[in-house]
Amino acid sequence: GLVQAGGSLKLSCAASGSGFNIHAMNW
C-alpha cells in the first residue's frame, strides 16, 4: 500500500497447494 516515509508495513506471503515441502522463502 501507500505509506509515508518513516512509517511501517507488514507484508504476508501465503503458500497453498499440496504435495510439497518448502525449504527457503524469500522476499
PDB file of all heavy atoms in Angstrom:
ATOM      1  N   GLY A   1       0.813  -1.196   0.000  1.00  0.00           N
ATOM      2  CA  GLY A   1       0.000   0.000   0.000  1.00  0.00           C
ATOM      3  C   GLY A   1       0.847   1.246   0.000  1.00  0.00           C
ATOM      4  O   GLY A   1       2.046   1.208  -0.286  1.00  0.00           O
ATOM      5  N   LEU A   2       0.214   2.359   0.321  1.00  0.00           N
ATOM      6  CA  LEU A   2       0.867   3.664   0.372  1.00  0.00           C
ATOM      7  C   LEU A   2       1.149   4.028   1.817  1.00  0.00           C
ATOM      8  O   LEU A   2       0.259   3.954   2.673  1.00  0.00           O
ATOM      9  CB  LEU A   2      -0.020   4.722  -0.283  1.00  0.00           C
ATOM     10  CG  LEU A   2       0.459   6.165  -0.218  1.00  0.00           C
ATOM     11  CD1 LEU A   2       1.764   6.336  -0.981  1.00  0.00           C
ATOM     12  CD2 LEU A   2      -0.607   7.101  -0.759  1.00  0.00           C
ATOM     13  N   VAL A   3       2.380   4.432   2.083  1.00  0.00           N
ATOM     14  CA  VAL A   3       2.778   4.807   3.431  1.00  0.00           C
ATOM     15  C   VAL A   3       3.748   5.983   3.347  1.00  0.00           C
ATOM     16  O   VAL A   3       4.485   6.127   2.367  1.00  0.00           O
ATOM     17  CB  VAL A   3       3.413   3.616   4.171  1.00  0.00           C
ATOM     18  CG1 VAL A   3       4.717   3.193   3.508  1.00  0.00           C
ATOM     19  CG2 VAL A   3       3.625   3.923   5.642  1.00  0.00           C
ATOM     20  N   GLN A   4       3.728   6.832   4.359  1.00  0.00           N
ATOM     21  CA  GLN A   4       4.657   7.950   4.407  1.00  0.00           C
ATOM     22  C   GLN A   4       6.026   7.496   4.887  1.00  0.00           C
ATOM     23  O   GLN A   4       6.157   6.495   5.598  1.00  0.00           O
ATOM     24  CB  GLN A   4       4.131   9.048   5.333  1.00  0.00           C
ATOM     25  CG  GLN A   4       2.903   9.761   4.812  1.00  0.00           C
ATOM     26  CD  GLN A   4       2.497  10.941   5.675  1.00  0.00           C
ATOM     27  OE1 GLN A   4       3.142  11.255   6.674  1.00  0.00           O
ATOM     28  NE2 GLN A   4       1.436  11.605   5.283  1.00  0.00           N
ATOM     29  N   ALA A   5       7.052   8.231   4.476  1.00  0.00           N
ATOM     30  CA  ALA A   5       8.404   7.937   4.934  1.00  0.00           C
ATOM     31  C   ALA A   5       8.452   7.896   6.453  1.00  0.00           C
ATOM     32  O   ALA A   5       7.861   8.743   7.130  1.00  0.00           O
ATOM     33  CB  ALA A   5       9.387   8.968   4.393  1.00  0.00           C
ATOM     34  N   GLY A   6       9.162   6.901   6.971  1.00  0.00           N
ATOM     35  CA  GLY A   6       9.239   6.700   8.405  1.00  0.00           C
ATOM     36  C   GLY A   6       8.191   5.759   8.951  1.00  0.00           C
ATOM     37  O   GLY A   6       8.295   5.330  10.111  1.00  0.00           O
ATOM     38  N   GLY A   7       7.210   5.412   8.135  1.00  0.00           N
ATOM     39  CA  GLY A   7       6.151   4.525   8.565  1.00  0.00           C
ATOM     40  C   GLY A   7       6.510   3.066   8.419  1.00  0.00           C
ATOM     41  O   GLY A   7       7.645   2.714   8.065  1.00  0.00           O
ATOM     42  N   SER A   8       5.517   2.204   8.668  1.00  0.00           N
ATOM     43  CA  SER A   8       5.732   0.764   8.661  1.00  0.00           C
ATOM     44  C   SER A   8       4.648   0.055   7.875  1.00  0.00           C
ATOM     45  O   SER A   8       3.508   0.531   7.769  1.00  0.00           O
ATOM     46  CB  SER A   8       5.741   0.210  10.094  1.00  0.00           C
ATOM     47  OG  SER A   8       6.779   0.769  10.863  1.00  0.00           O
ATOM     48  N   LEU A   9       5.002  -1.090   7.319  1.00  0.00           N
ATOM     49  CA  LEU A   9       4.078  -2.000   6.666  1.00  0.00           C
ATOM     50  C   LEU A   9       4.518  -3.422   6.970  1.00  0.00           C
ATOM     51  O   LEU A   9       5.709  -3.678   7.177  1.00  0.00           O
ATOM     52  CB  LEU A   9       4.045  -1.806   5.154  1.00  0.00           C
ATOM     53  CG  LEU A   9       3.279  -0.626   4.573  1.00  0.00           C
ATOM     54  CD1 LEU A   9       3.504  -0.567   3.062  1.00  0.00           C
ATOM     55  CD2 LEU A   9       1.796  -0.731   4.868  1.00  0.00           C
ATOM     56  N   LYS A  10       3.552  -4.337   6.968  1.00  0.00           N
ATOM     57  CA  LYS A  10       3.858  -5.753   7.120  1.00  0.00           C
ATOM     58  C   LYS A  10       3.263  -6.512   5.939  1.00  0.00           C
ATOM     59  O   LYS A  10       2.053  -6.493   5.735  1.00  0.00           O
ATOM     60  CB  LYS A  10       3.304  -6.306   8.432  1.00  0.00           C
ATOM     61  CG  LYS A  10       3.756  -7.737   8.719  1.00  0.00           C
ATOM     62  CD  LYS A  10       3.302  -8.210  10.093  1.00  0.00           C
ATOM     63  CE  LYS A  10       3.823  -9.599  10.403  1.00  0.00           C
ATOM     64  NZ  LYS A  10       3.417 -10.042  11.772  1.00  0.00           N
ATOM     65  N   LEU A  11       4.123  -7.167   5.177  1.00  0.00           N
ATOM     66  CA  LEU A  11       3.712  -7.959   4.040  1.00  0.00           C
ATOM     67  C   LEU A  11       3.548  -9.416   4.444  1.00  0.00           C
ATOM     68  O   LEU A  11       4.265  -9.915   5.315  1.00  0.00           O
ATOM     69  CB  LEU A  11       4.735  -7.870   2.910  1.00  0.00           C
ATOM     70  CG  LEU A  11       5.138  -6.473   2.435  1.00  0.00           C
ATOM     71  CD1 LEU A  11       6.114  -6.583   1.273  1.00  0.00           C
ATOM     72  CD2 LEU A  11       3.918  -5.653   2.051  1.00  0.00           C
ATOM     73  N   SER A  12       2.610 -10.089   3.790  1.00  0.00           N
ATOM     74  CA  SER A  12       2.382 -11.509   4.015  1.00  0.00           C
ATOM     75  C   SER A  12       2.483 -12.259   2.699  1.00  0.00           C
ATOM     76  O   SER A  12       2.123 -11.737   1.641  1.00  0.00           O
ATOM     77  CB  SER A  12       1.001 -11.760   4.629  1.00  0.00           C
ATOM     78  OG  SER A  12       0.865 -11.134   5.885  1.00  0.00           O
ATOM     79  N   CYS A  13       2.966 -13.485   2.766  1.00  0.00           N
ATOM     80  CA  CYS A  13       3.036 -14.370   1.611  1.00  0.00           C
ATOM     81  C   CYS A  13       2.486 -15.720   2.032  1.00  0.00           C
ATOM     82  O   CYS A  13       3.108 -16.422   2.842  1.00  0.00           O
ATOM     83  CB  CYS A  13       4.472 -14.511   1.115  1.00  0.00           C
ATOM     84  SG  CYS A  13       4.677 -15.762  -0.176  1.00  0.00           S
ATOM     85  N   ALA A  14       1.339 -16.082   1.489  1.00  0.00           N
ATOM     86  CA  ALA A  14       0.683 -17.334   1.822  1.00  0.00           C
ATOM     87  C   ALA A  14       0.911 -18.352   0.713  1.00  0.00           C
ATOM     88  O   ALA A  14       0.611 -18.087  -0.453  1.00  0.00           O
ATOM     89  CB  ALA A  14      -0.807 -17.115   2.041  1.00  0.00           C
ATOM     90  N   ALA A  15       1.433 -19.510   1.076  1.00  0.00           N
ATOM     91  CA  ALA A  15       1.650 -20.603   0.136  1.00  0.00           C
ATOM     92  C   ALA A  15       0.514 -21.597   0.225  1.00  0.00           C
ATOM     93  O   ALA A  15       0.084 -21.969   1.318  1.00  0.00           O
ATOM     94  CB  ALA A  15       2.976 -21.301   0.423  1.00  0.00           C
ATOM     95  N   SER A  16       0.028 -22.024  -0.927  1.00  0.00           N
ATOM     96  CA  SER A  16      -1.047 -23.005  -0.965  1.00  0.00           C
ATOM     97  C   SER A  16      -0.750 -24.060  -2.021  1.00  0.00           C
ATOM     98  O   SER A  16       0.117 -23.882  -2.879  1.00  0.00           O
ATOM     99  CB  SER A  16      -2.395 -22.347  -1.237  1.00  0.00           C
ATOM    100  OG  SER A  16      -2.405 -21.710  -2.508  1.00  0.00           O
ATOM    101  N   GLY A  17      -1.474 -25.150  -1.965  1.00  0.00           N
ATOM    102  CA  GLY A  17      -1.273 -26.272  -2.852  1.00  0.00           C
ATOM    103  C   GLY A  17      -1.118 -27.532  -2.031  1.00  0.00           C
ATOM    104  O   GLY A  17      -1.469 -27.573  -0.852  1.00  0.00           O
ATOM    105  N   SER A  18      -0.586 -28.559  -2.654  1.00  0.00           N
ATOM    106  CA  SER A  18      -0.398 -29.820  -1.961  1.00  0.00           C
ATOM    107  C   SER A  18       0.797 -30.558  -2.534  1.00  0.00           C
ATOM    108  O   SER A  18       1.254 -30.275  -3.642  1.00  0.00           O
ATOM    109  CB  SER A  18      -1.658 -30.695  -2.071  1.00  0.00           C
ATOM    110  OG  SER A  18      -1.944 -31.009  -3.426  1.00  0.00           O
ATOM    111  N   GLY A  19       1.303 -31.489  -1.757  1.00  0.00           N
ATOM    112  CA  GLY A  19       2.383 -32.338  -2.217  1.00  0.00           C
ATOM    113  C   GLY A  19       3.735 -31.653  -2.294  1.00  0.00           C
ATOM    114  O   GLY A  19       4.526 -31.963  -3.184  1.00  0.00           O
ATOM    115  N   PHE A  20       4.009 -30.730  -1.377  1.00  0.00           N
ATOM    116  CA  PHE A  20       5.288 -30.032  -1.393  1.00  0.00           C
ATOM    117  C   PHE A  20       5.783 -29.764   0.012  1.00  0.00           C
ATOM    118  O   PHE A  20       4.997 -29.725   0.963  1.00  0.00           O
ATOM    119  CB  PHE A  20       5.174 -28.704  -2.160  1.00  0.00           C
ATOM    120  CG  PHE A  20       4.274 -27.702  -1.501  1.00  0.00           C
ATOM    121  CD1 PHE A  20       4.774 -26.802  -0.574  1.00  0.00           C
ATOM    122  CD2 PHE A  20       2.925 -27.648  -1.806  1.00  0.00           C
ATOM    123  CE1 PHE A  20       3.954 -25.869   0.043  1.00  0.00           C
ATOM    124  CE2 PHE A  20       2.086 -26.730  -1.203  1.00  0.00           C
ATOM    125  CZ  PHE A  20       2.604 -25.841  -0.270  1.00  0.00           C
ATOM    126  N   ASN A  21       7.090 -29.575   0.120  1.00  0.00           N
ATOM    127  CA  ASN A  21       7.734 -29.125   1.343  1.00  0.00           C
ATOM    128  C   ASN A  21       8.582 -27.912   1.000  1.00  0.00           C
ATOM    129  O   ASN A  21       9.509 -28.010   0.194  1.00  0.00           O
ATOM    130  CB  ASN A  21       8.613 -30.213   1.953  1.00  0.00           C
ATOM    131  CG  ASN A  21       7.817 -31.318   2.614  1.00  0.00           C
ATOM    132  OD1 ASN A  21       6.786 -31.072   3.225  1.00  0.00           O
ATOM    133  ND2 ASN A  21       8.304 -32.543   2.496  1.00  0.00           N
ATOM    134  N   ILE A  22       8.262 -26.783   1.593  1.00  0.00           N
ATOM    135  CA  ILE A  22       9.011 -25.561   1.342  1.00  0.00           C
ATOM    136  C   ILE A  22      10.289 -25.551   2.167  1.00  0.00           C
ATOM    137  O   ILE A  22      10.270 -25.842   3.362  1.00  0.00           O
ATOM    138  CB  ILE A  22       8.157 -24.324   1.649  1.00  0.00           C
ATOM    139  CG1 ILE A  22       7.002 -24.227   0.659  1.00  0.00           C
ATOM    140  CG2 ILE A  22       9.008 -23.056   1.605  1.00  0.00           C
ATOM    141  CD1 ILE A  22       6.067 -23.072   0.913  1.00  0.00           C
ATOM    142  N   HIS A  23      11.393 -25.210   1.515  1.00  0.00           N
ATOM    143  CA  HIS A  23      12.670 -25.079   2.206  1.00  0.00           C
ATOM    144  C   HIS A  23      12.938 -23.624   2.559  1.00  0.00           C
ATOM    145  O   HIS A  23      12.844 -23.234   3.715  1.00  0.00           O
ATOM    146  CB  HIS A  23      13.791 -25.661   1.348  1.00  0.00           C
ATOM    147  CG  HIS A  23      13.770 -27.155   1.297  1.00  0.00           C
ATOM    148  ND1 HIS A  23      14.804 -27.887   0.758  1.00  0.00           N
ATOM    149  CD2 HIS A  23      12.857 -28.057   1.725  1.00  0.00           C
ATOM    150  CE1 HIS A  23      14.517 -29.176   0.861  1.00  0.00           C
ATOM    151  NE2 HIS A  23      13.341 -29.308   1.433  1.00  0.00           N
ATOM    152  N   ALA A  24      13.254 -22.803   1.566  1.00  0.00           N
ATOM    153  CA  ALA A  24      13.547 -21.400   1.806  1.00  0.00           C
ATOM    154  C   ALA A  24      12.422 -20.517   1.302  1.00  0.00           C
ATOM    155  O   ALA A  24      11.740 -20.846   0.329  1.00  0.00           O
ATOM    156  CB  ALA A  24      14.853 -20.995   1.130  1.00  0.00           C
ATOM    157  N   MET A  25      12.213 -19.390   1.964  1.00  0.00           N
ATOM    158  CA  MET A  25      11.285 -18.375   1.496  1.00  0.00           C
ATOM    159  C   MET A  25      12.019 -17.047   1.477  1.00  0.00           C
ATOM    160  O   MET A  25      12.798 -16.751   2.377  1.00  0.00           O
ATOM    161  CB  MET A  25      10.033 -18.300   2.365  1.00  0.00           C
ATOM    162  CG  MET A  25       9.228 -19.588   2.368  1.00  0.00           C
ATOM    163  SD  MET A  25       7.567 -19.437   3.080  1.00  0.00           S
ATOM    164  CE  MET A  25       6.696 -18.595   1.755  1.00  0.00           C
ATOM    165  N   ASN A  26      11.757 -16.279   0.431  1.00  0.00           N
ATOM    166  CA  ASN A  26      12.480 -15.032   0.209  1.00  0.00           C
ATOM    167  C   ASN A  26      11.529 -13.937  -0.226  1.00  0.00           C
ATOM    168  O   ASN A  26      10.471 -14.197  -0.802  1.00  0.00           O
ATOM    169  CB  ASN A  26      13.549 -15.197  -0.881  1.00  0.00           C
ATOM    170  CG  ASN A  26      14.472 -16.363  -0.634  1.00  0.00           C
ATOM    171  OD1 ASN A  26      15.305 -16.323   0.269  1.00  0.00           O
ATOM    172  ND2 ASN A  26      14.333 -17.421  -1.433  1.00  0.00           N
ATOM    173  N   TRP A  27      11.933 -12.709   0.051  1.00  0.00           N
ATOM    174  CA  TRP A  27      11.274 -11.528  -0.489  1.00  0.00           C
ATOM    175  C   TRP A  27      12.233 -10.819  -1.434  1.00  0.00           C
ATOM    176  O   TRP A  27      13.373 -10.529  -1.065  1.00  0.00           O
ATOM    177  CB  TRP A  27      10.846 -10.565   0.616  1.00  0.00           C
ATOM    178  CG  TRP A  27       9.650 -11.018   1.382  1.00  0.00           C
ATOM    179  CD1 TRP A  27       9.629 -11.653   2.578  1.00  0.00           C
ATOM    180  CD2 TRP A  27       8.281 -10.840   0.990  1.00  0.00           C
ATOM    181  NE1 TRP A  27       8.337 -11.896   2.971  1.00  0.00           N
ATOM    182  CE2 TRP A  27       7.489 -11.406   2.011  1.00  0.00           C
ATOM    183  CE3 TRP A  27       7.649 -10.261  -0.115  1.00  0.00           C
ATOM    184  CZ2 TRP A  27       6.093 -11.413   1.958  1.00  0.00           C
ATOM    185  CZ3 TRP A  27       6.266 -10.270  -0.166  1.00  0.00           C
ATOM    186  CH2 TRP A  27       5.506 -10.840   0.857  1.00  0.00           C
TER     187      TRP A  27
END
